[in-house]
Amino acid sequence: RGGAALSVASVTGRPIIFASTGEGLDDLEAFHPDRMASRILDL
């Protein structure tokens, strides 16, 4: 359900730097808070 992603940065005060989006070695993205928020809101 993704609650970890929306909780960790806020609770610890430490930034999310990377997001792993699959099993392949190329499935790694730099984490952009604004882009992730847009995806969550279907924008």
Full PDB file with SEQRES, HELIX, SHEET, SSBOND, CRYST1, ORIGX, SCALE, CONECT and MASTER records, all heavy atoms in Angstrom:
SEQRES   1 A   43  ARG GLY GLY ALA ALA LEU SER VAL ALA SER VAL THR GLY          
SEQRES   2 A   43  ARG PRO ILE ILE PHE ALA SER THR GLY GLU GLY LEU ASP          
SEQRES   3 A   43  ASP LEU GLU ALA PHE HIS PRO ASP ARG MET ALA SER ARG          
SEQRES   4 A   43  ILE LEU ASP LEU                                              
HELIX    1 AA1 GLY A    3  THR A   12  1                                  10    
HELIX    2 AA2 PRO A   33  ILE A   40  1                                   8    
SHEET    1 AA1 2 PHE A  18  SER A  20  0                                        
SHEET    2 AA1 2 LEU A  28  ALA A  30 -1                                        
CRYST1    1.000    1.000    1.000  90.00  90.00  90.00 P 1           1          
ORIGX1      1.000000  0.000000  0.000000        0.00000                         
ORIGX2      0.000000  1.000000  0.000000        0.00000                         
ORIGX3      0.000000  0.000000  1.000000        0.00000                         
SCALE1      1.000000  0.000000  0.000000        0.00000                         
SCALE2      0.000000  1.000000  0.000000        0.00000                         
SCALE3      0.000000  0.000000  1.000000        0.00000                         
ATOM      1  N   ARG A   1       0.796  -1.222   0.000  1.00  0.00           N  
ATOM      2  CA  ARG A   1       0.000   0.000   0.000  1.00  0.00           C  
ATOM      3  C   ARG A   1       0.833   1.278   0.000  1.00  0.00           C  
ATOM      4  O   ARG A   1       0.311   2.353  -0.183  1.00  0.00           O  
ATOM      5  CB  ARG A   1      -0.963  -0.025   1.194  1.00  0.00           C  
ATOM      6  CG  ARG A   1      -2.059  -1.053   0.999  1.00  0.00           C  
ATOM      7  CD  ARG A   1      -2.919  -1.226   2.215  1.00  0.00           C  
ATOM      8  NE  ARG A   1      -2.244  -1.978   3.262  1.00  0.00           N  
ATOM      9  CZ  ARG A   1      -2.827  -2.340   4.396  1.00  0.00           C  
ATOM     10  NH1 ARG A   1      -4.073  -2.015   4.634  1.00  0.00           N  
ATOM     11  NH2 ARG A   1      -2.159  -3.025   5.304  1.00  0.00           N  
ATOM     12  N   GLY A   2       2.149   1.166   0.248  1.00  0.00           N  
ATOM     13  CA  GLY A   2       3.034   2.315   0.048  1.00  0.00           C  
ATOM     14  C   GLY A   2       3.178   3.274   1.206  1.00  0.00           C  
ATOM     15  O   GLY A   2       3.768   4.334   1.057  1.00  0.00           O  
ATOM     16  N   GLY A   3       2.623   2.920   2.377  1.00  0.00           N  
ATOM     17  CA  GLY A   3       2.698   3.843   3.509  1.00  0.00           C  
ATOM     18  C   GLY A   3       4.115   4.157   3.952  1.00  0.00           C  
ATOM     19  O   GLY A   3       4.398   5.258   4.435  1.00  0.00           O  
ATOM     20  N   ALA A   4       5.028   3.180   3.771  1.00  0.00           N  
ATOM     21  CA  ALA A   4       6.415   3.391   4.178  1.00  0.00           C  
ATOM     22  C   ALA A   4       7.020   4.594   3.470  1.00  0.00           C  
ATOM     23  O   ALA A   4       7.686   5.437   4.083  1.00  0.00           O  
ATOM     24  CB  ALA A   4       7.245   2.140   3.888  1.00  0.00           C  
ATOM     25  N   ALA A   5       6.773   4.692   2.177  1.00  0.00           N  
ATOM     26  CA  ALA A   5       7.349   5.779   1.379  1.00  0.00           C  
ATOM     27  C   ALA A   5       6.864   7.134   1.852  1.00  0.00           C  
ATOM     28  O   ALA A   5       7.615   8.113   1.851  1.00  0.00           O  
ATOM     29  CB  ALA A   5       6.983   5.592  -0.090  1.00  0.00           C  
ATOM     30  N   LEU A   6       5.594   7.187   2.277  1.00  0.00           N  
ATOM     31  CA  LEU A   6       5.024   8.469   2.690  1.00  0.00           C  
ATOM     32  C   LEU A   6       5.318   8.781   4.154  1.00  0.00           C  
ATOM     33  O   LEU A   6       4.989   9.864   4.617  1.00  0.00           O  
ATOM     34  CB  LEU A   6       3.503   8.454   2.473  1.00  0.00           C  
ATOM     35  CG  LEU A   6       3.047   8.296   1.020  1.00  0.00           C  
ATOM     36  CD1 LEU A   6       1.542   8.188   0.950  1.00  0.00           C  
ATOM     37  CD2 LEU A   6       3.519   9.462   0.182  1.00  0.00           C  
ATOM     38  N   SER A   7       5.912   7.837   4.875  1.00  0.00           N  
ATOM     39  CA  SER A   7       6.162   8.043   6.302  1.00  0.00           C  
ATOM     40  C   SER A   7       7.620   8.279   6.640  1.00  0.00           C  
ATOM     41  O   SER A   7       7.942   9.139   7.468  1.00  0.00           O  
ATOM     42  CB  SER A   7       5.657   6.824   7.096  1.00  0.00           C  
ATOM     43  OG  SER A   7       4.316   6.548   6.828  1.00  0.00           O  
ATOM     44  N   VAL A   8       8.516   7.505   6.014  1.00  0.00           N  
ATOM     45  CA  VAL A   8       9.919   7.483   6.438  1.00  0.00           C  
ATOM     46  C   VAL A   8      10.587   8.854   6.364  1.00  0.00           C  
ATOM     47  O   VAL A   8      11.213   9.304   7.324  1.00  0.00           O  
ATOM     48  CB  VAL A   8      10.720   6.455   5.610  1.00  0.00           C  
ATOM     49  CG1 VAL A   8      12.204   6.584   5.875  1.00  0.00           C  
ATOM     50  CG2 VAL A   8      10.248   5.059   5.943  1.00  0.00           C  
ATOM     51  N   ALA A   9      10.458   9.526   5.214  1.00  0.00           N  
ATOM     52  CA  ALA A   9      11.130  10.820   5.047  1.00  0.00           C  
ATOM     53  C   ALA A   9      10.621  11.839   6.061  1.00  0.00           C  
ATOM     54  O   ALA A   9      11.398  12.610   6.635  1.00  0.00           O  
ATOM     55  CB  ALA A   9      10.921  11.344   3.631  1.00  0.00           C  
ATOM     56  N   SER A  10       9.322  11.834   6.304  1.00  0.00           N  
ATOM     57  CA  SER A  10       8.730  12.802   7.222  1.00  0.00           C  
ATOM     58  C   SER A  10       9.124  12.515   8.673  1.00  0.00           C  
ATOM     59  O   SER A  10       9.445  13.432   9.425  1.00  0.00           O  
ATOM     60  CB  SER A  10       7.199  12.775   7.079  1.00  0.00           C  
ATOM     61  OG  SER A  10       6.593  13.724   7.906  1.00  0.00           O  
ATOM     62  N   VAL A  11       9.118  11.246   9.071  1.00  0.00           N  
ATOM     63  CA  VAL A  11       9.395  10.878  10.460  1.00  0.00           C  
ATOM     64  C   VAL A  11      10.878  11.030  10.801  1.00  0.00           C  
ATOM     65  O   VAL A  11      11.232  11.520  11.880  1.00  0.00           O  
ATOM     66  CB  VAL A  11       8.917   9.434  10.736  1.00  0.00           C  
ATOM     67  CG1 VAL A  11       9.413   8.942  12.089  1.00  0.00           C  
ATOM     68  CG2 VAL A  11       7.400   9.366  10.683  1.00  0.00           C  
ATOM     69  N   THR A  12      11.766  10.609   9.899  1.00  0.00           N  
ATOM     70  CA  THR A  12      13.206  10.631  10.196  1.00  0.00           C  
ATOM     71  C   THR A  12      13.880  11.951   9.821  1.00  0.00           C  
ATOM     72  O   THR A  12      14.960  12.253  10.318  1.00  0.00           O  
ATOM     73  CB  THR A  12      13.930   9.502   9.439  1.00  0.00           C  
ATOM     74  OG1 THR A  12      13.815   9.733   8.026  1.00  0.00           O  
ATOM     75  CG2 THR A  12      13.326   8.151   9.779  1.00  0.00           C  
ATOM     76  N   GLY A  13      13.249  12.701   8.921  1.00  0.00           N  
ATOM     77  CA  GLY A  13      13.891  13.932   8.472  1.00  0.00           C  
ATOM     78  C   GLY A  13      15.023  13.685   7.499  1.00  0.00           C  
ATOM     79  O   GLY A  13      15.779  14.593   7.161  1.00  0.00           O  
ATOM     80  N   ARG A  14      15.145  12.432   7.019  1.00  0.00           N  
ATOM     81  CA  ARG A  14      16.195  12.086   6.052  1.00  0.00           C  
ATOM     82  C   ARG A  14      15.566  11.928   4.669  1.00  0.00           C  
ATOM     83  O   ARG A  14      14.495  11.340   4.538  1.00  0.00           O  
ATOM     84  CB  ARG A  14      16.900  10.789   6.450  1.00  0.00           C  
ATOM     85  CG  ARG A  14      17.633  10.866   7.783  1.00  0.00           C  
ATOM     86  CD  ARG A  14      18.836  11.799   7.708  1.00  0.00           C  
ATOM     87  NE  ARG A  14      19.613  11.778   8.926  1.00  0.00           N  
ATOM     88  CZ  ARG A  14      19.473  12.614   9.948  1.00  0.00           C  
ATOM     89  NH1 ARG A  14      18.530  13.559   9.877  1.00  0.00           N  
ATOM     90  NH2 ARG A  14      20.225  12.539  11.019  1.00  0.00           N  
ATOM     91  N   PRO A  15      16.229  12.410   3.629  1.00  0.00           N  
ATOM     92  CA  PRO A  15      15.627  12.374   2.280  1.00  0.00           C  
ATOM     93  C   PRO A  15      15.669  10.991   1.649  1.00  0.00           C  
ATOM     94  O   PRO A  15      16.575  10.198   1.922  1.00  0.00           O  
ATOM     95  CB  PRO A  15      16.505  13.349   1.489  1.00  0.00           C  
ATOM     96  CG  PRO A  15      17.845  13.264   2.168  1.00  0.00           C  
ATOM     97  CD  PRO A  15      17.557  13.060   3.631  1.00  0.00           C  
ATOM     98  N   ILE A  16      14.674  10.716   0.806  1.00  0.00           N  
ATOM     99  CA  ILE A  16      14.697   9.505  -0.022  1.00  0.00           C  
ATOM    100  C   ILE A  16      15.516   9.839  -1.261  1.00  0.00           C  
ATOM    101  O   ILE A  16      15.225  10.802  -1.966  1.00  0.00           O  
ATOM    102  CB  ILE A  16      13.271   9.078  -0.423  1.00  0.00           C  
ATOM    103  CG1 ILE A  16      12.414   8.843   0.822  1.00  0.00           C  
ATOM    104  CG2 ILE A  16      13.310   7.809  -1.275  1.00  0.00           C  
ATOM    105  CD1 ILE A  16      10.938   8.622   0.526  1.00  0.00           C  
ATOM    106  N   ILE A  17      16.565   9.063  -1.520  1.00  0.00           N  
ATOM    107  CA  ILE A  17      17.481   9.373  -2.624  1.00  0.00           C  
ATOM    108  C   ILE A  17      17.223   8.501  -3.849  1.00  0.00           C  
ATOM    109  O   ILE A  17      17.298   8.966  -4.985  1.00  0.00           O  
ATOM    110  CB  ILE A  17      18.945   9.226  -2.161  1.00  0.00           C  
ATOM    111  CG1 ILE A  17      19.216  10.184  -0.988  1.00  0.00           C  
ATOM    112  CG2 ILE A  17      19.918   9.539  -3.302  1.00  0.00           C  
ATOM    113  CD1 ILE A  17      20.622  10.113  -0.444  1.00  0.00           C  
ATOM    114  N   PHE A  18      16.902   7.215  -3.619  1.00  0.00           N  
ATOM    115  CA  PHE A  18      16.662   6.304  -4.741  1.00  0.00           C  
ATOM    116  C   PHE A  18      15.380   5.512  -4.518  1.00  0.00           C  
ATOM    117  O   PHE A  18      14.962   5.283  -3.376  1.00  0.00           O  
ATOM    118  CB  PHE A  18      17.828   5.318  -4.917  1.00  0.00           C  
ATOM    119  CG  PHE A  18      19.110   5.948  -5.356  1.00  0.00           C  
ATOM    120  CD1 PHE A  18      20.163   6.109  -4.472  1.00  0.00           C  
ATOM    121  CD2 PHE A  18      19.265   6.378  -6.667  1.00  0.00           C  
ATOM    122  CE1 PHE A  18      21.356   6.689  -4.873  1.00  0.00           C  
ATOM    123  CE2 PHE A  18      20.457   6.966  -7.079  1.00  0.00           C  
ATOM    124  CZ  PHE A  18      21.497   7.123  -6.185  1.00  0.00           C  
ATOM    125  N   ALA A  19      14.788   5.079  -5.622  1.00  0.00           N  
ATOM    126  CA  ALA A  19      13.620   4.196  -5.584  1.00  0.00           C  
ATOM    127  C   ALA A  19      13.869   3.031  -6.531  1.00  0.00           C  
ATOM    128  O   ALA A  19      14.195   3.238  -7.705  1.00  0.00           O  
ATOM    129  CB  ALA A  19      12.357   4.947  -5.996  1.00  0.00           C  
ATOM    130  N   SER A  20      13.747   1.817  -6.016  1.00  0.00           N  
ATOM    131  CA  SER A  20      13.944   0.616  -6.827  1.00  0.00           C  
ATOM    132  C   SER A  20      12.584   0.167  -7.340  1.00  0.00           C  
ATOM    133  O   SER A  20      11.666  -0.083  -6.558  1.00  0.00           O  
ATOM    134  CB  SER A  20      14.579  -0.481  -5.971  1.00  0.00           C  
ATOM    135  OG  SER A  20      14.752  -1.650  -6.715  1.00  0.00           O  
ATOM    136  N   THR A  21      12.436   0.084  -8.666  1.00  0.00           N  
ATOM    137  CA  THR A  21      11.115  -0.129  -9.269  1.00  0.00           C  
ATOM    138  C   THR A  21      10.986  -1.465 -10.001  1.00  0.00           C  
ATOM    139  O   THR A  21      10.055  -1.642 -10.782  1.00  0.00           O  
ATOM    140  CB  THR A  21      10.813   1.007 -10.259  1.00  0.00           C  
ATOM    141  OG1 THR A  21      11.857   1.050 -11.246  1.00  0.00           O  
ATOM    142  CG2 THR A  21      10.752   2.353  -9.555  1.00  0.00           C  
ATOM    143  N   GLY A  22      11.887  -2.403  -9.765  1.00  0.00           N  
ATOM    144  CA  GLY A  22      11.787  -3.697 -10.446  1.00  0.00           C  
ATOM    145  C   GLY A  22      12.958  -4.588 -10.067  1.00  0.00           C  
ATOM    146  O   GLY A  22      13.835  -4.197  -9.280  1.00  0.00           O  
ATOM    147  N   GLU A  23      12.981  -5.781 -10.625  1.00  0.00           N  
ATOM    148  CA  GLU A  23      14.020  -6.751 -10.287  1.00  0.00           C  
ATOM    149  C   GLU A  23      15.273  -6.597 -11.147  1.00  0.00           C  
ATOM    150  O   GLU A  23      16.342  -7.052 -10.761  1.00  0.00           O  
ATOM    151  CB  GLU A  23      13.467  -8.175 -10.436  1.00  0.00           C  
ATOM    152  CG  GLU A  23      12.338  -8.486  -9.468  1.00  0.00           C  
ATOM    153  CD  GLU A  23      11.805  -9.903  -9.615  1.00  0.00           C  
ATOM    154  OE1 GLU A  23      12.376 -10.642 -10.453  1.00  0.00           O  
ATOM    155  OE2 GLU A  23      10.848 -10.253  -8.926  1.00  0.00           O  
ATOM    156  N   GLY A  24      15.158  -5.985 -12.312  1.00  0.00           N  
ATOM    157  CA  GLY A  24      16.317  -5.820 -13.195  1.00  0.00           C  
ATOM    158  C   GLY A  24      17.306  -4.802 -12.648  1.00  0.00           C  
ATOM    159  O   GLY A  24      16.939  -3.907 -11.874  1.00  0.00           O  
ATOM    160  N   LEU A  25      18.562  -4.928 -13.054  1.00  0.00           N  
ATOM    161  CA  LEU A  25      19.593  -4.017 -12.554  1.00  0.00           C  
ATOM    162  C   LEU A  25      19.434  -2.593 -13.088  1.00  0.00           C  
ATOM    163  O   LEU A  25      20.058  -1.665 -12.580  1.00  0.00           O  
ATOM    164  CB  LEU A  25      20.989  -4.551 -12.915  1.00  0.00           C  
ATOM    165  CG  LEU A  25      21.434  -5.817 -12.166  1.00  0.00           C  
ATOM    166  CD1 LEU A  25      22.840  -6.207 -12.576  1.00  0.00           C  
ATOM    167  CD2 LEU A  25      21.372  -5.623 -10.656  1.00  0.00           C  
ATOM    168  N   ASP A  26      18.599  -2.424 -14.115  1.00  0.00           N  
ATOM    169  CA  ASP A  26      18.352  -1.079 -14.636  1.00  0.00           C  
ATOM    170  C   ASP A  26      17.142  -0.421 -13.975  1.00  0.00           C  
ATOM    171  O   ASP A  26      16.852   0.748 -14.229  1.00  0.00           O  
ATOM    172  CB  ASP A  26      18.122  -1.123 -16.160  1.00  0.00           C  
ATOM    173  CG  ASP A  26      19.392  -1.485 -16.911  1.00  0.00           C  
ATOM    174  OD1 ASP A  26      20.444  -0.900 -16.587  1.00  0.00           O  
ATOM    175  OD2 ASP A  26      19.336  -2.338 -17.803  1.00  0.00           O  
ATOM    176  N   ASP A  27      16.433  -1.178 -13.137  1.00  0.00           N  
ATOM    177  CA  ASP A  27      15.197  -0.669 -12.527  1.00  0.00           C  
ATOM    178  C   ASP A  27      15.496   0.117 -11.254  1.00  0.00           C  
ATOM    179  O   ASP A  27      15.085  -0.246 -10.141  1.00  0.00           O  
ATOM    180  CB  ASP A  27      14.238  -1.822 -12.217  1.00  0.00           C  
ATOM    181  CG  ASP A  27      13.761  -2.522 -13.475  1.00  0.00           C  
ATOM    182  OD1 ASP A  27      13.642  -1.836 -14.505  1.00  0.00           O  
ATOM    183  OD2 ASP A  27      13.520  -3.734 -13.428  1.00  0.00           O  
ATOM    184  N   LEU A  28      16.229   1.208 -11.423  1.00  0.00           N  
ATOM    185  CA  LEU A  28      16.555   2.088 -10.297  1.00  0.00           C  
ATOM    186  C   LEU A  28      16.408   3.528 -10.763  1.00  0.00           C  
ATOM    187  O   LEU A  28      16.912   3.906 -11.809  1.00  0.00           O  
ATOM    188  CB  LEU A  28      17.997   1.838  -9.819  1.00  0.00           C  
ATOM    189  CG  LEU A  28      18.454   2.653  -8.599  1.00  0.00           C  
ATOM    190  CD1 LEU A  28      17.678   2.236  -7.355  1.00  0.00           C  
ATOM    191  CD2 LEU A  28      19.955   2.500  -8.364  1.00  0.00           C  
ATOM    192  N   GLU A  29      15.686   4.313  -9.983  1.00  0.00           N  
ATOM    193  CA  GLU A  29      15.444   5.713 -10.340  1.00  0.00           C  
ATOM    194  C   GLU A  29      15.916   6.628  -9.220  1.00  0.00           C  
ATOM    195  O   GLU A  29      15.803   6.285  -8.044  1.00  0.00           O  
ATOM    196  CB  GLU A  29      13.937   5.968 -10.550  1.00  0.00           C  
ATOM    197  CG  GLU A  29      13.309   5.211 -11.681  1.00  0.00           C  
ATOM    198  CD  GLU A  29      11.806   5.464 -11.761  1.00  0.00           C  
ATOM    199  OE1 GLU A  29      11.304   6.302 -10.965  1.00  0.00           O  
ATOM    200  OE2 GLU A  29      11.132   4.843 -12.593  1.00  0.00           O  
ATOM    201  N   ALA A  30      16.427   7.787  -9.605  1.00  0.00           N  
ATOM    202  CA  ALA A  30      16.650   8.842  -8.623  1.00  0.00           C  
ATOM    203  C   ALA A  30      15.277   9.294  -8.134  1.00  0.00           C  
ATOM    204  O   ALA A  30      14.337   9.407  -8.923  1.00  0.00           O  
ATOM    205  CB  ALA A  30      17.403  10.009  -9.251  1.00  0.00           C  
ATOM    206  N   PHE A  31      15.118   9.493  -6.845  1.00  0.00           N  
ATOM    207  CA  PHE A  31      13.804   9.814  -6.280  1.00  0.00           C  
ATOM    208  C   PHE A  31      13.541  11.314  -6.373  1.00  0.00           C  
ATOM    209  O   PHE A  31      14.304  12.131  -5.878  1.00  0.00           O  
ATOM    210  CB  PHE A  31      13.732   9.368  -4.815  1.00  0.00           C  
ATOM    211  CG  PHE A  31      12.362   9.482  -4.215  1.00  0.00           C  
ATOM    212  CD1 PHE A  31      11.432   8.474  -4.382  1.00  0.00           C  
ATOM    213  CD2 PHE A  31      11.997  10.599  -3.484  1.00  0.00           C  
ATOM    214  CE1 PHE A  31      10.161   8.568  -3.829  1.00  0.00           C  
ATOM    215  CE2 PHE A  31      10.733  10.712  -2.934  1.00  0.00           C  
ATOM    216  CZ  PHE A  31       9.805   9.694  -3.101  1.00  0.00           C  
ATOM    217  N   HIS A  32      12.432  11.655  -7.050  1.00  0.00           N  
ATOM    218  CA  HIS A  32      11.994  13.050  -7.156  1.00  0.00           C  
ATOM    219  C   HIS A  32      10.671  13.185  -6.406  1.00  0.00           C  
ATOM    220  O   HIS A  32       9.640  12.662  -6.869  1.00  0.00           O  
ATOM    221  CB  HIS A  32      11.786  13.452  -8.620  1.00  0.00           C  
ATOM    222  CG  HIS A  32      13.024  13.370  -9.454  1.00  0.00           C  
ATOM    223  ND1 HIS A  32      13.827  14.461  -9.704  1.00  0.00           N  
ATOM    224  CD2 HIS A  32      13.606  12.321 -10.099  1.00  0.00           C  
ATOM    225  CE1 HIS A  32      14.841  14.091 -10.470  1.00  0.00           C  
ATOM    226  NE2 HIS A  32      14.735  12.805 -10.723  1.00  0.00           N  
ATOM    227  N   PRO A  33      10.636  13.864  -5.267  1.00  0.00           N  
ATOM    228  CA  PRO A  33       9.383  13.989  -4.501  1.00  0.00           C  
ATOM    229  C   PRO A  33       8.224  14.561  -5.317  1.00  0.00           C  
ATOM    230  O   PRO A  33       7.099  14.085  -5.218  1.00  0.00           O  
ATOM    231  CB  PRO A  33       9.772  14.936  -3.353  1.00  0.00           C  
ATOM    232  CG  PRO A  33      11.232  14.738  -3.177  1.00  0.00           C  
ATOM    233  CD  PRO A  33      11.763  14.499  -4.559  1.00  0.00           C  
ATOM    234  N   ASP A  34       8.514  15.572  -6.153  1.00  0.00           N  
ATOM    235  CA  ASP A  34       7.431  16.194  -6.928  1.00  0.00           C  
ATOM    236  C   ASP A  34       6.869  15.221  -7.968  1.00  0.00           C  
ATOM    237  O   ASP A  34       5.658  15.155  -8.186  1.00  0.00           O  
ATOM    238  CB  ASP A  34       7.922  17.478  -7.591  1.00  0.00           C  
ATOM    239  CG  ASP A  34       9.181  17.284  -8.418  1.00  0.00           C  
ATOM    240  OD1 ASP A  34       9.897  16.282  -8.205  1.00  0.00           O  
ATOM    241  OD2 ASP A  34       9.462  18.142  -9.279  1.00  0.00           O  
ATOM    242  N   ARG A  35       7.735  14.429  -8.596  1.00  0.00           N  
ATOM    243  CA  ARG A  35       7.268  13.480  -9.607  1.00  0.00           C  
ATOM    244  C   ARG A  35       6.489  12.329  -8.959  1.00  0.00           C  
ATOM    245  O   ARG A  35       5.504  11.857  -9.522  1.00  0.00           O  
ATOM    246  CB  ARG A  35       8.449  12.935 -10.411  1.00  0.00           C  
ATOM    247  CG  ARG A  35       9.237  14.015 -11.133  1.00  0.00           C  
ATOM    248  CD  ARG A  35      10.341  13.403 -11.977  1.00  0.00           C  
ATOM    249  NE  ARG A  35      11.272  14.419 -12.468  1.00  0.00           N  
ATOM    250  CZ  ARG A  35      12.313  14.165 -13.227  1.00  0.00           C  
ATOM    251  NH1 ARG A  35      12.577  12.922 -13.596  1.00  0.00           N  
ATOM    252  NH2 ARG A  35      13.119  15.142 -13.613  1.00  0.00           N  
ATOM    253  N   MET A  36       6.953  11.879  -7.795  1.00  0.00           N  
ATOM    254  CA  MET A  36       6.246  10.802  -7.106  1.00  0.00           C  
ATOM    255  C   MET A  36       4.863  11.264  -6.672  1.00  0.00           C  
ATOM    256  O   MET A  36       3.884  10.525  -6.795  1.00  0.00           O  
ATOM    257  CB  MET A  36       7.057  10.335  -5.886  1.00  0.00           C  
ATOM    258  CG  MET A  36       6.448   9.145  -5.167  1.00  0.00           C  
ATOM    259  SD  MET A  36       6.278   7.681  -6.220  1.00  0.00           S  
ATOM    260  CE  MET A  36       7.992   7.223  -6.429  1.00  0.00           C  
ATOM    261  N   ALA A  37       4.762  12.500  -6.181  1.00  0.00           N  
ATOM    262  CA  ALA A  37       3.461  13.046  -5.786  1.00  0.00           C  
ATOM    263  C   ALA A  37       2.531  13.112  -6.987  1.00  0.00           C  
ATOM    264  O   ALA A  37       1.337  12.791  -6.887  1.00  0.00           O  
ATOM    265  CB  ALA A  37       3.635  14.434  -5.167  1.00  0.00           C  
ATOM    266  N   SER A  38       3.062  13.506  -8.147  1.00  0.00           N  
ATOM    267  CA  SER A  38       2.244  13.575  -9.364  1.00  0.00           C  
ATOM    268  C   SER A  38       1.744  12.196  -9.767  1.00  0.00           C  
ATOM    269  O   SER A  38       0.605  12.039 -10.205  1.00  0.00           O  
ATOM    270  CB  SER A  38       3.056  14.186 -10.514  1.00  0.00           C  
ATOM    271  OG  SER A  38       3.313  15.541 -10.277  1.00  0.00           O  
ATOM    272  N   ARG A  39       2.586  11.173  -9.618  1.00  0.00           N  
ATOM    273  CA  ARG A  39       2.161   9.813  -9.959  1.00  0.00           C  
ATOM    274  C   ARG A  39       1.044   9.350  -9.023  1.00  0.00           C  
ATOM    275  O   ARG A  39       0.080   8.725  -9.463  1.00  0.00           O  
ATOM    276  CB  ARG A  39       3.345   8.843  -9.840  1.00  0.00           C  
ATOM    277  CG  ARG A  39       4.383   8.998 -10.931  1.00  0.00           C  
ATOM    278  CD  ARG A  39       5.260   7.755 -10.970  1.00  0.00           C  
ATOM    279  NE  ARG A  39       6.605   8.085 -11.430  1.00  0.00           N  
ATOM    280  CZ  ARG A  39       7.572   7.187 -11.602  1.00  0.00           C  
ATOM    281  NH1 ARG A  39       7.343   5.932 -11.325  1.00  0.00           N  
ATOM    282  NH2 ARG A  39       8.763   7.542 -12.025  1.00  0.00           N  
ATOM    283  N   ILE A  40       1.189   9.653  -7.732  1.00  0.00           N  
ATOM    284  CA  ILE A  40       0.179   9.233  -6.756  1.00  0.00           C  
ATOM    285  C   ILE A  40      -1.169   9.874  -7.073  1.00  0.00           C  
ATOM    286  O   ILE A  40      -2.220   9.245  -6.950  1.00  0.00           O  
ATOM    287  CB  ILE A  40       0.627   9.593  -5.324  1.00  0.00           C  
ATOM    288  CG1 ILE A  40       1.847   8.754  -4.929  1.00  0.00           C  
ATOM    289  CG2 ILE A  40      -0.502   9.367  -4.317  1.00  0.00           C  
ATOM    290  CD1 ILE A  40       2.497   9.179  -3.625  1.00  0.00           C  
ATOM    291  N   LEU A  41      -1.151  11.131  -7.508  1.00  0.00           N  
ATOM    292  CA  LEU A  41      -2.394  11.848  -7.811  1.00  0.00           C  
ATOM    293  C   LEU A  41      -2.841  11.652  -9.253  1.00  0.00           C  
ATOM    294  O   LEU A  41      -3.736  12.352  -9.728  1.00  0.00           O  
ATOM    295  CB  LEU A  41      -2.213  13.347  -7.515  1.00  0.00           C  
ATOM    296  CG  LEU A  41      -1.956  13.697  -6.049  1.00  0.00           C  
ATOM    297  CD1 LEU A  41      -1.741  15.188  -5.891  1.00  0.00           C  
ATOM    298  CD2 LEU A  41      -3.100  13.236  -5.176  1.00  0.00           C  
ATOM    299  N   ASP A  42      -2.196  10.717  -9.971  1.00  0.00           N  
ATOM    300  CA  ASP A  42      -2.555  10.396 -11.366  1.00  0.00           C  
ATOM    301  C   ASP A  42      -2.399  11.611 -12.279  1.00  0.00           C  
ATOM    302  O   ASP A  42      -3.169  11.810 -13.207  1.00  0.00           O  
ATOM    303  CB  ASP A  42      -3.989   9.846 -11.443  1.00  0.00           C  
ATOM    304  CG  ASP A  42      -4.255   9.139 -12.777  1.00  0.00           C  
ATOM    305  OD1 ASP A  42      -3.282   8.690 -13.407  1.00  0.00           O  
ATOM    306  OD2 ASP A  42      -5.426   9.060 -13.181  1.00  0.00           O  
ATOM    307  N   LEU A  43      -1.382  12.439 -11.974  1.00  0.00           N  
ATOM    308  CA  LEU A  43      -1.102  13.602 -12.815  1.00  0.00           C  
ATOM    309  C   LEU A  43       0.020  13.306 -13.809  1.00  0.00           C  
ATOM    310  O   LEU A  43       0.439  14.186 -14.557  1.00  0.00           O  
ATOM    311  CB  LEU A  43      -0.724  14.813 -11.949  1.00  0.00           C  
ATOM    312  CG  LEU A  43      -1.779  15.253 -10.920  1.00  0.00           C  
ATOM    313  CD1 LEU A  43      -1.247  16.394 -10.061  1.00  0.00           C  
ATOM    314  CD2 LEU A  43      -3.059  15.674 -11.620  1.00  0.00           C  
TER     315      LEU A  43                                                      
MASTER        0    0    0    2    2    0    0    6  314    1    0    4          
END                                                                             
